Protein backbone atom coordinates (compact mmCIF):
# COMPACT_ATOMS: atom_id res chain seq x y z
CA MET A 1 -192.04 -32.33 -30.96
CA THR A 2 -194.63 -35.07 -30.89
CA PRO A 3 -194.34 -37.67 -27.71
CA ARG A 4 -193.55 -40.35 -29.71
CA PHE A 5 -190.37 -38.23 -31.63
CA ALA A 6 -189.32 -37.11 -28.32
CA ARG A 7 -189.36 -40.72 -26.64
CA THR A 8 -187.49 -42.03 -29.85
CA THR A 9 -184.91 -39.05 -29.80
CA LEU A 10 -184.36 -39.71 -25.89
CA LEU A 11 -183.85 -43.45 -26.45
CA ALA A 12 -181.04 -42.58 -29.43
CA ILE A 13 -179.00 -40.37 -27.15
CA LEU A 14 -179.32 -42.99 -24.28
CA LEU A 15 -177.94 -45.78 -26.37
CA VAL A 16 -175.09 -43.41 -27.95
CA CYS A 17 -174.01 -42.58 -24.20
CA THR A 18 -174.05 -46.18 -23.07
CA ALA A 19 -171.95 -47.21 -26.13
CA ALA A 20 -169.55 -44.32 -25.57
CA ALA A 21 -169.11 -45.35 -21.62
CA ARG A 22 -168.50 -49.03 -22.78
CA SER A 23 -166.18 -47.93 -25.39
CA SER A 24 -164.29 -45.44 -22.71
CA ALA A 25 -164.16 -48.20 -20.26
CA GLN A 26 -162.55 -50.79 -22.35
CA ALA A 27 -159.85 -48.04 -23.63
CA LYS A 28 -158.50 -47.50 -20.16
CA PRO A 29 -155.82 -49.78 -19.08
CA GLN A 30 -156.45 -52.21 -16.16
CA SER A 31 -155.11 -50.80 -12.91
CA GLN A 32 -152.59 -53.27 -11.41
CA PRO A 33 -153.89 -55.73 -8.59
CA GLN A 34 -153.78 -54.07 -4.99
CA PRO A 35 -152.81 -56.22 -1.97
CA ILE A 36 -155.69 -58.43 -0.89
CA THR A 37 -154.91 -57.97 2.95
CA SER A 38 -153.06 -55.57 5.48
CA VAL A 39 -153.47 -58.56 7.96
CA PRO A 40 -151.21 -57.67 11.03
CA ILE A 41 -148.02 -59.44 10.79
CA ILE A 42 -146.21 -60.88 13.87
CA PHE A 43 -142.36 -62.18 13.29
CA VAL A 44 -141.25 -64.77 15.68
CA HIS A 45 -137.41 -65.26 16.26
CA GLY A 46 -135.65 -68.50 16.52
CA ASN A 47 -133.23 -70.12 19.13
CA GLY A 48 -131.16 -67.77 20.99
CA ASP A 49 -132.36 -64.76 18.77
CA ASP A 50 -134.19 -61.69 19.29
CA ALA A 51 -136.82 -59.36 17.80
CA ALA A 52 -134.25 -57.24 16.19
CA LYS A 53 -133.22 -59.97 13.63
CA TRP A 54 -136.52 -58.73 11.87
CA ILE A 55 -135.32 -54.86 11.31
CA GLY A 56 -134.23 -55.36 7.65
CA ILE A 57 -137.69 -57.59 6.84
CA ILE A 58 -139.97 -55.08 8.30
CA TRP A 59 -137.98 -52.34 6.82
CA LEU A 60 -138.82 -54.14 3.23
CA PHE A 61 -142.55 -54.58 4.18
CA GLU A 62 -142.92 -50.95 4.89
CA SER A 63 -141.00 -49.81 1.74
CA ASN A 64 -143.51 -51.92 -0.09
CA ASN A 65 -146.33 -49.68 1.68
CA TYR A 66 -147.13 -52.30 4.05
CA PRO A 67 -148.88 -50.41 7.06
CA PRO A 68 -146.17 -50.19 9.60
CA ASP A 69 -148.70 -50.30 12.55
CA LYS A 70 -149.59 -53.60 11.34
CA LEU A 71 -145.94 -54.96 11.45
CA PHE A 72 -144.48 -56.63 15.04
CA SER A 73 -142.06 -58.70 16.23
CA ILE A 74 -141.81 -60.77 19.45
CA ARG A 75 -139.20 -60.79 21.84
CA PHE A 76 -138.88 -64.01 23.73
CA THR A 77 -137.69 -63.70 27.23
CA HIS A 78 -135.29 -66.73 27.56
CA PRO A 79 -134.89 -67.33 23.89
CA ASN A 80 -132.97 -70.44 24.26
CA ALA A 81 -134.22 -74.10 24.38
CA ARG A 82 -133.57 -76.45 26.77
CA ALA A 83 -131.61 -79.78 26.44
CA ASN A 84 -134.45 -81.87 27.52
CA ASP A 85 -137.92 -80.07 27.22
CA THR A 86 -139.13 -81.45 30.28
CA VAL A 87 -136.35 -80.35 32.62
CA GLU A 88 -135.85 -76.64 33.82
CA GLU A 89 -132.71 -75.17 32.73
CA GLU A 90 -131.76 -71.58 34.03
CA ASN A 91 -132.18 -68.92 31.29
CA ARG A 92 -133.64 -71.62 28.91
CA SER A 93 -137.41 -71.76 27.80
CA SER A 94 -139.56 -74.94 27.32
CA THR A 95 -141.80 -75.28 24.43
CA THR A 96 -144.84 -74.18 26.62
CA ASP A 97 -143.07 -71.14 27.81
CA VAL A 98 -142.44 -69.79 24.44
CA THR A 99 -145.95 -70.77 22.94
CA ALA A 100 -147.63 -69.16 26.02
CA GLU A 101 -145.57 -66.05 25.31
CA LEU A 102 -146.46 -66.06 21.81
CA SER A 103 -150.24 -66.65 22.42
CA ALA A 104 -150.21 -63.78 24.72
CA PHE A 105 -148.60 -61.57 22.17
CA VAL A 106 -150.98 -62.28 19.35
CA THR A 107 -153.90 -61.77 21.59
CA ARG A 108 -152.51 -58.14 22.29
CA VAL A 109 -151.87 -57.57 18.67
CA LEU A 110 -155.59 -58.63 17.92
CA ILE A 111 -157.03 -56.30 20.38
CA GLN A 112 -154.44 -53.52 19.64
CA THR A 113 -155.32 -53.65 15.59
CA HIS A 114 -159.10 -54.51 16.12
CA SER A 115 -158.28 -57.39 13.76
CA THR A 116 -159.62 -60.94 14.01
CA LYS A 117 -156.55 -62.82 12.49
CA VAL A 118 -153.07 -62.45 12.18
CA ALA A 119 -149.93 -63.68 9.81
CA LEU A 120 -147.26 -65.52 11.39
CA ILE A 121 -143.74 -65.76 10.35
CA GLY A 122 -141.13 -67.73 12.17
CA SER A 123 -137.54 -68.33 11.66
CA SER A 124 -136.20 -71.80 12.77
CA ARG A 125 -137.25 -72.71 16.23
CA GLY A 126 -139.98 -69.75 15.85
CA GLY A 127 -141.52 -71.59 13.23
CA MET A 128 -141.95 -74.68 15.54
CA THR A 129 -143.54 -72.43 18.21
CA ILE A 130 -146.01 -71.15 15.37
CA ARG A 131 -146.86 -74.68 14.74
CA ASN A 132 -147.17 -75.53 18.33
CA TYR A 133 -149.53 -72.61 19.06
CA LEU A 134 -151.51 -73.48 15.81
CA LEU A 135 -152.15 -77.04 17.19
CA HIS A 136 -153.30 -75.73 20.55
CA GLY A 137 -156.17 -73.80 19.55
CA GLY A 138 -154.25 -70.71 17.65
CA SER A 139 -155.40 -71.83 14.35
CA SER A 140 -158.44 -69.84 14.90
CA THR A 141 -156.81 -66.46 15.03
CA VAL A 142 -154.13 -66.91 11.89
CA ALA A 143 -154.73 -66.26 8.68
CA PHE A 144 -151.27 -67.24 7.05
CA ALA A 145 -148.27 -68.82 8.77
CA ILE A 146 -144.69 -69.02 7.10
CA THR A 147 -141.83 -71.03 8.58
CA CYS A 148 -138.48 -70.22 7.52
CA GLY A 149 -135.47 -72.83 7.63
CA THR A 150 -137.71 -74.33 10.39
CA PRO A 151 -136.42 -78.00 11.14
CA ASN A 152 -139.97 -79.18 11.13
CA HIS A 153 -138.54 -83.04 10.80
CA GLY A 154 -135.91 -82.38 13.47
CA VAL A 155 -132.46 -81.26 13.52
CA LEU A 156 -131.61 -85.02 13.86
CA ALA A 157 -133.86 -88.02 14.09
CA MET A 158 -132.74 -90.36 17.11
CA ASP A 159 -134.28 -92.78 19.34
CA THR A 160 -132.42 -91.38 22.70
CA ASN A 161 -133.60 -88.20 24.11
CA LEU A 162 -137.19 -88.16 23.12
CA ASP A 163 -137.87 -85.07 25.00
CA GLY A 164 -135.54 -83.14 22.70
CA GLU A 165 -137.40 -80.09 21.24
CA PHE A 166 -135.32 -80.48 17.83
CA ASN A 167 -135.64 -84.48 17.71
CA GLY A 168 -137.38 -85.49 14.61
CA LYS A 169 -138.40 -88.59 16.40
CA GLY A 170 -139.16 -87.21 19.65
CA ARG A 171 -142.64 -86.13 21.30
CA TYR A 172 -142.93 -82.64 20.56
CA LEU A 173 -142.34 -82.82 16.83
CA GLN A 174 -144.21 -86.13 16.46
CA SER A 175 -147.22 -83.97 17.95
CA LEU A 176 -146.79 -81.51 15.58
CA ASN A 177 -146.38 -83.77 12.64
CA HIS A 178 -149.35 -86.06 13.54
CA GLY A 179 -151.83 -83.43 14.91
CA TYR A 180 -153.82 -83.69 11.95
CA THR A 181 -156.11 -86.05 9.83
CA ASP A 182 -155.64 -86.90 5.80
CA ASN A 183 -151.88 -87.10 6.19
CA SER A 184 -151.95 -83.31 6.36
CA GLU A 185 -149.11 -81.46 8.53
CA VAL A 186 -151.10 -78.35 8.55
CA PRO A 187 -153.95 -76.94 10.19
CA PRO A 188 -157.24 -76.86 8.34
CA GLY A 189 -158.15 -72.84 7.32
CA VAL A 190 -154.62 -71.58 7.73
CA LYS A 191 -152.69 -70.82 4.65
CA MET A 192 -149.18 -72.34 5.16
CA MET A 193 -145.93 -71.79 3.36
CA THR A 194 -142.39 -73.13 4.30
CA LEU A 195 -138.97 -71.67 2.98
CA ARG A 196 -136.15 -73.92 2.62
CA SER A 197 -132.59 -73.81 1.17
CA ASP A 198 -131.70 -76.49 -1.50
CA LYS A 199 -128.33 -77.82 0.32
CA LEU A 200 -127.11 -75.04 2.54
CA ASP A 201 -129.24 -75.04 5.60
CA LYS A 202 -127.05 -76.42 8.43
CA TYR A 203 -129.81 -78.03 10.23
CA ALA A 204 -131.18 -79.78 7.16
CA GLN A 205 -128.19 -82.09 6.65
CA PRO A 206 -128.00 -85.79 6.12
CA SER A 207 -124.78 -85.88 7.97
CA GLY A 208 -123.73 -84.28 11.22
CA ILE A 209 -121.64 -81.77 9.75
CA ALA A 210 -123.17 -79.02 11.39
CA PHE A 211 -122.19 -80.69 15.07
CA GLY A 212 -118.44 -81.33 13.68
CA LYS A 213 -119.61 -85.26 12.66
CA PRO A 214 -119.78 -85.05 8.95
CA GLU A 215 -119.29 -89.25 9.32
CA THR A 216 -122.69 -89.29 11.37
CA ALA A 217 -126.22 -89.72 9.59
CA THR A 218 -128.67 -87.32 11.10
CA GLY A 219 -131.61 -89.28 9.93
CA VAL A 220 -133.25 -85.95 8.39
CA THR A 221 -132.80 -84.65 4.76
CA TYR A 222 -132.56 -81.52 2.81
CA GLU A 223 -136.32 -81.58 2.56
CA GLY A 224 -136.64 -81.61 6.36
CA PRO A 225 -138.58 -78.29 6.61
CA ALA A 226 -141.06 -79.05 4.19
CA LEU A 227 -144.26 -79.68 5.46
CA ALA A 228 -147.15 -81.88 3.67
CA GLY A 229 -149.93 -79.64 2.93
CA ALA A 230 -148.32 -76.29 2.99
CA THR A 231 -146.93 -74.62 -0.09
CA ASN A 232 -143.13 -75.52 -0.30
CA ILE A 233 -140.53 -73.10 -1.51
CA VAL A 234 -136.96 -73.72 -2.35
CA LEU A 235 -134.63 -70.88 -2.20
CA PRO A 236 -131.36 -72.12 -3.45
CA ASN A 237 -128.22 -70.75 -2.28
CA LEU A 238 -129.39 -69.80 0.99
CA ASP A 239 -128.09 -70.51 4.44
CA HIS A 240 -130.12 -71.25 7.75
CA ARG A 241 -130.69 -67.87 8.64
CA GLU A 242 -131.27 -66.23 5.20
CA LEU A 243 -134.42 -68.11 4.59
CA ALA A 244 -136.17 -65.75 6.91
CA PHE A 245 -134.02 -62.55 6.48
CA TYR A 246 -132.76 -62.18 3.05
CA PRO A 247 -134.57 -60.35 0.61
CA SER A 248 -135.43 -63.21 -1.68
CA ALA A 249 -137.00 -64.52 1.17
CA PHE A 250 -138.98 -61.32 1.97
CA ALA A 251 -140.20 -61.64 -1.58
CA GLU A 252 -141.91 -65.00 -1.05
CA MET A 253 -143.26 -63.96 2.18
CA TYR A 254 -144.86 -60.73 0.79
CA LYS A 255 -146.40 -62.52 -2.34
CA PHE A 256 -147.96 -65.01 -0.11
CA ILE A 257 -149.77 -62.98 2.12
CA THR A 258 -150.50 -59.80 0.07
CA GLY A 259 -151.14 -61.94 -3.46
CA VAL A 260 -148.70 -59.99 -5.39
CA ALA A 261 -145.26 -59.31 -5.82
CA PRO A 262 -143.30 -56.53 -3.95
CA THR A 263 -142.68 -53.67 -6.12
CA THR A 264 -138.93 -53.65 -4.56
CA THR A 265 -136.57 -55.70 -2.52
CA GLN A 266 -134.40 -52.90 -1.28
CA VAL A 267 -135.03 -50.91 1.28
CA THR A 268 -136.23 -47.41 0.51
CA PRO A 269 -134.32 -44.99 3.15
CA ILE A 270 -136.00 -41.90 4.77
CA PRO A 271 -133.73 -38.86 5.55
CA SER A 272 -133.68 -38.89 9.13
CA PRO A 273 -134.68 -42.09 10.88
CA THR A 274 -135.57 -42.42 14.57
CA ILE A 275 -133.88 -45.44 16.51
CA SER A 276 -134.07 -46.85 19.93
CA GLY A 277 -134.16 -50.36 21.27
CA LEU A 278 -132.68 -52.38 24.52
CA ILE A 279 -129.63 -53.50 25.87
CA THR A 280 -129.55 -57.34 27.05
CA GLY A 281 -126.92 -59.59 28.33
CA PHE A 282 -125.30 -63.28 28.23
CA GLU A 283 -125.55 -64.94 31.41
CA ASN A 284 -124.84 -68.94 32.26
CA GLY A 285 -123.23 -69.62 28.85
CA THR A 286 -126.51 -68.44 26.98
CA PHE A 287 -128.03 -65.28 25.50
CA THR A 288 -131.38 -63.82 27.56
CA ASN A 289 -133.70 -60.68 26.45
CA LEU A 290 -133.68 -59.51 29.75
CA PRO A 291 -133.09 -55.61 30.15
CA ILE A 292 -129.42 -54.81 31.67
CA ALA A 293 -129.29 -51.53 33.78
CA GLY A 294 -126.49 -49.20 34.26
CA ALA A 295 -124.97 -49.83 30.92
CA HIS A 296 -123.41 -46.74 29.34
CA LEU A 297 -124.20 -46.15 25.71
CA ARG A 298 -122.42 -43.40 23.58
CA ILE A 299 -123.29 -43.40 19.86
CA TYR A 300 -120.61 -41.44 17.75
CA PRO A 301 -120.41 -40.75 13.97
CA VAL A 302 -117.54 -42.62 12.38
CA GLY A 303 -115.23 -40.46 10.06
CA THR A 304 -111.42 -40.57 9.11
CA THR A 305 -110.94 -38.80 12.60
CA GLU A 306 -112.15 -40.59 15.70
CA SER A 307 -115.01 -38.25 17.23
CA THR A 308 -114.64 -37.21 21.18
CA THR A 309 -118.23 -36.10 21.52
CA PRO A 310 -120.87 -38.52 21.36
CA ALA A 311 -124.15 -37.46 18.88
CA TYR A 312 -126.23 -39.48 21.57
CA GLU A 313 -125.63 -40.94 25.27
CA VAL A 314 -127.31 -42.50 27.92
CA VAL A 315 -127.15 -44.91 30.88
CA THR A 316 -130.04 -47.26 30.87
CA LYS A 317 -132.15 -47.72 33.66
CA ALA A 318 -133.94 -50.76 34.95
CA ASP A 319 -135.87 -51.53 31.73
CA GLY A 320 -132.78 -51.53 29.50
CA LYS A 321 -134.21 -49.09 26.92
CA TRP A 322 -132.33 -46.48 25.27
CA GLY A 323 -133.43 -44.00 22.72
CA PRO A 324 -134.87 -42.16 20.73
CA PHE A 325 -131.86 -41.26 18.76
CA GLN A 326 -132.41 -39.13 15.74
CA ALA A 327 -130.00 -40.49 13.10
CA SER A 328 -128.92 -39.60 9.43
CA SER A 329 -129.54 -42.24 6.86
CA THR A 330 -126.43 -41.52 5.21
CA GLN A 331 -124.25 -41.50 8.30
CA GLU A 332 -122.05 -44.82 9.89
CA TYR A 333 -122.16 -44.99 13.50
CA ASP A 334 -120.04 -46.35 16.16
CA PHE A 335 -122.41 -47.95 18.96
CA ASP A 336 -120.01 -47.82 22.15
CA LEU A 337 -121.68 -49.93 24.95
CA GLU A 338 -119.78 -49.49 28.36
CA TYR A 339 -120.51 -51.98 30.99
CA GLN A 340 -118.55 -53.03 34.14
CA GLY A 341 -115.21 -51.90 32.81
CA ARG A 342 -115.52 -53.22 28.98
CA HIS A 343 -116.32 -51.30 26.18
CA ILE A 344 -118.39 -53.12 23.12
CA ARG A 345 -118.48 -50.72 19.78
CA PHE A 346 -120.85 -51.98 17.56
CA TYR A 347 -120.11 -50.75 13.76
CA LYS A 348 -123.20 -50.87 11.65
CA ALA A 349 -123.86 -49.57 8.08
CA PRO A 350 -126.10 -46.28 7.63
CA ILE A 351 -129.26 -47.08 9.11
CA PRO A 352 -132.12 -46.22 6.42
CA ARG A 353 -135.13 -46.06 8.32
CA SER A 354 -136.54 -45.44 11.68
CA THR A 355 -137.12 -48.79 14.38
CA THR A 356 -137.48 -49.15 17.72
CA LEU A 357 -136.28 -52.81 18.05
CA LEU A 358 -132.32 -52.51 17.88
CA ASN A 359 -130.82 -54.76 20.50
CA LEU A 360 -127.53 -54.26 21.56
CA ARG A 361 -126.14 -57.20 23.34
CA LEU A 362 -123.54 -57.53 25.87
CA LEU A 363 -121.26 -59.96 24.10
CA PRO A 364 -118.96 -62.29 25.86
CA VAL A 365 -115.16 -61.99 25.07
CA PRO A 366 -114.91 -64.26 21.84
CA ALA A 367 -112.80 -67.54 22.17
CA LYS A 368 -109.72 -67.70 20.02
CA PRO A 369 -109.67 -70.25 17.36
CA LYS A 370 -108.32 -73.50 18.69
CA ASP A 371 -105.89 -74.01 16.12
CA GLU A 372 -104.02 -70.96 14.85
CA ALA A 373 -101.60 -73.37 13.24
CA ASN A 374 -104.06 -73.27 10.16
CA LYS A 375 -103.53 -70.12 9.45
CA THR A 376 -102.05 -69.57 6.09
CA ALA A 377 -98.54 -68.35 5.48
CA SER A 378 -99.91 -65.16 4.24
CA ALA A 379 -101.33 -64.13 7.50
CA THR A 380 -98.97 -61.69 9.37
CA PRO A 381 -98.48 -61.10 13.06
CA SER A 382 -101.46 -59.38 14.41
CA GLN A 383 -101.41 -56.17 15.86
CA SER A 384 -104.94 -56.10 16.24
CA GLU A 385 -108.41 -57.76 15.75
CA LEU A 386 -112.19 -57.33 14.75
CA PHE A 387 -114.95 -59.40 15.51
CA ILE A 388 -117.18 -59.70 12.32
CA ASP A 389 -120.66 -60.54 13.00
CA ARG A 390 -123.74 -61.42 10.62
CA PRO A 391 -126.89 -61.97 12.89
CA GLN A 392 -128.82 -62.46 9.68
CA GLY A 393 -126.87 -65.17 7.94
CA TYR A 394 -123.71 -67.33 7.90
CA PHE A 395 -119.99 -66.84 6.67
CA SER A 396 -118.54 -69.04 3.77
CA ARG A 397 -115.82 -67.73 1.78
CA GLU A 398 -115.99 -69.97 -1.24
CA ARG A 399 -119.67 -68.38 -1.52
CA ASP A 400 -119.22 -64.52 -0.21
CA ALA A 401 -115.86 -63.60 0.36
CA VAL A 402 -115.40 -60.96 3.23
CA LEU A 403 -112.93 -57.96 2.11
CA ILE A 404 -110.87 -55.96 4.58
CA ASP A 405 -109.49 -53.02 2.59
CA ASN A 406 -110.08 -54.89 -0.68
CA LYS A 407 -108.28 -58.08 0.38
CA ILE A 408 -109.96 -61.36 1.05
CA ALA A 409 -110.18 -61.88 4.91
CA ILE A 410 -108.26 -65.41 5.35
CA ASP A 411 -110.04 -65.91 8.73
CA GLU A 412 -113.33 -66.13 7.45
CA PRO A 413 -114.97 -69.65 7.61
CA SER A 414 -114.89 -71.77 4.55
CA GLY A 415 -117.53 -74.58 3.65
CA LEU A 416 -121.19 -75.10 4.51
CA PRO A 417 -122.00 -71.83 6.09
CA LEU A 418 -122.05 -72.92 9.51
CA GLU A 419 -120.85 -69.61 11.31
CA ASP A 420 -122.48 -66.31 11.91
CA SER A 421 -118.93 -64.39 13.45
CA PHE A 422 -115.22 -64.94 13.22
CA LEU A 423 -112.29 -62.83 14.59
CA ALA A 424 -110.02 -61.15 11.88
CA HIS A 425 -106.71 -60.62 12.90
CA LEU A 426 -105.00 -57.46 11.21
CA ALA A 427 -101.82 -55.90 11.12
CA THR A 428 -103.58 -52.71 11.18
CA PRO A 429 -102.73 -50.48 14.43
CA PRO A 430 -106.02 -49.94 16.31
CA THR A 431 -106.44 -46.42 15.63
CA GLN A 432 -106.84 -46.87 11.92
CA LEU A 433 -110.05 -47.20 10.14
CA VAL A 434 -110.57 -50.34 8.10
CA ALA A 435 -113.33 -51.18 5.42
CA VAL A 436 -114.80 -54.55 5.76
CA THR A 437 -116.93 -55.58 2.67
CA LEU A 438 -119.62 -58.52 2.72
CA ARG A 439 -121.69 -58.25 -0.82
CA LYS A 440 -122.64 -54.91 -1.20
CA GLU A 441 -122.34 -53.61 2.34
CA THR A 442 -119.41 -51.62 3.50
CA ILE A 443 -118.88 -50.64 6.98
CA ALA A 444 -115.73 -48.87 8.09
CA ALA A 445 -114.35 -50.07 11.66
CA ARG A 446 -111.45 -49.46 14.19
CA PRO A 447 -109.91 -52.43 15.47
CA SER A 448 -108.93 -53.70 18.66
CA ALA A 449 -105.58 -54.59 20.56
CA ASP A 450 -107.14 -55.93 23.82
CA LEU A 451 -110.73 -57.66 23.05
CA ALA A 452 -111.11 -58.34 27.03
CA THR A 453 -111.59 -54.59 27.38
CA ASP A 454 -112.49 -53.38 24.01
CA LEU A 455 -114.43 -55.34 21.73
CA PRO A 456 -115.26 -53.93 18.10
CA VAL A 457 -117.94 -55.79 16.28
CA VAL A 458 -118.44 -55.18 12.66
CA ASP A 459 -122.41 -55.92 12.63
CA PHE A 460 -123.72 -56.72 9.04
CA LEU A 461 -127.68 -56.53 7.88
CA TRP A 462 -127.67 -58.63 5.06
């Protein structure tokens, strides 16, 4: 073989191989885009709330393969705001208090995850706390910020109480909304999104219906949670809390942070979740997230016959912690909390995934309705009662009827979703299980004849 022939042959072979490689590459389908980031996410709860509010959303992120070690939820010590931000109130926090707690928490997450930036997602007051943190030096550590149902322009706007945290004309919100140039209400360098309802957010109403004064103008609008310079998303038919804790809200969060839509908006169960958490209390007319010592927790499986043998049992120490408890994702449980002569029994649907955030609060005895005469004629004399609770949303009979043994619960509030709990009066004996259904979630529970000593709580997730 002559050198010229050898070179020509080699060149031909190279051309054929290159063409084949190009053809092969073009024939292969393009892979789906992968999430562009797995930045640590910190979830920030709202007024009077707790880190446990975010359990369902965290499960949804995990179900879409977001790294569990990048998901965090802060628990503010005193979650309720003051009436006047400048005046101390026992068991309540100022805007400075919660912003300082958030700043310390962000620093800890950055160190723990070896990251330079985080994403912050806040519900209601939590979104205002995020904005205060961004305004006062935090924007350099934040890549994404999302506010959910946050009253960014106030629950109302008035010329009095200018030190009220939720006053749109007050000093606090004025500083948040006028802290930047170019008519923008968001800091440069931070990608920011707001989630708001169309007309069902109790704290974005042109009238004072949420305060029992529908004839009074609030000075705010349905658009109050939106921010100039942010990506503003409207989620129709969602209430104030669902804007943070409902699957459709999660889908917007996930897409905004990762750049791709989630593959599922349902929690993927695991066979044997491990759960643990905290027990906290209620003092001076407000919830706190301070731990309770000496609370006796027993966890019973719920079945047709009442179990007398707990699957788990503990008396809390000074840190208020309980767990870990190895559960079944197909078994419903009764979390029986005994403290100072009272039993509070939390009935929850089967818990599908592990969590360390489950807070069992020592609820006060629920108040009776002021006007029992408003009960319909179909109501029968009550033999027992159930306290029906929806921490992640509000009730409205016309929108989402609660069913008790397949019958509409006539005690459920109607109209604009304003209340997250109600008392159901039943003719059912206290020893008998009833099935309580909201949307696609059904929970079996035993009612009580004396709420002062035995408070059964039907605790919906969604």
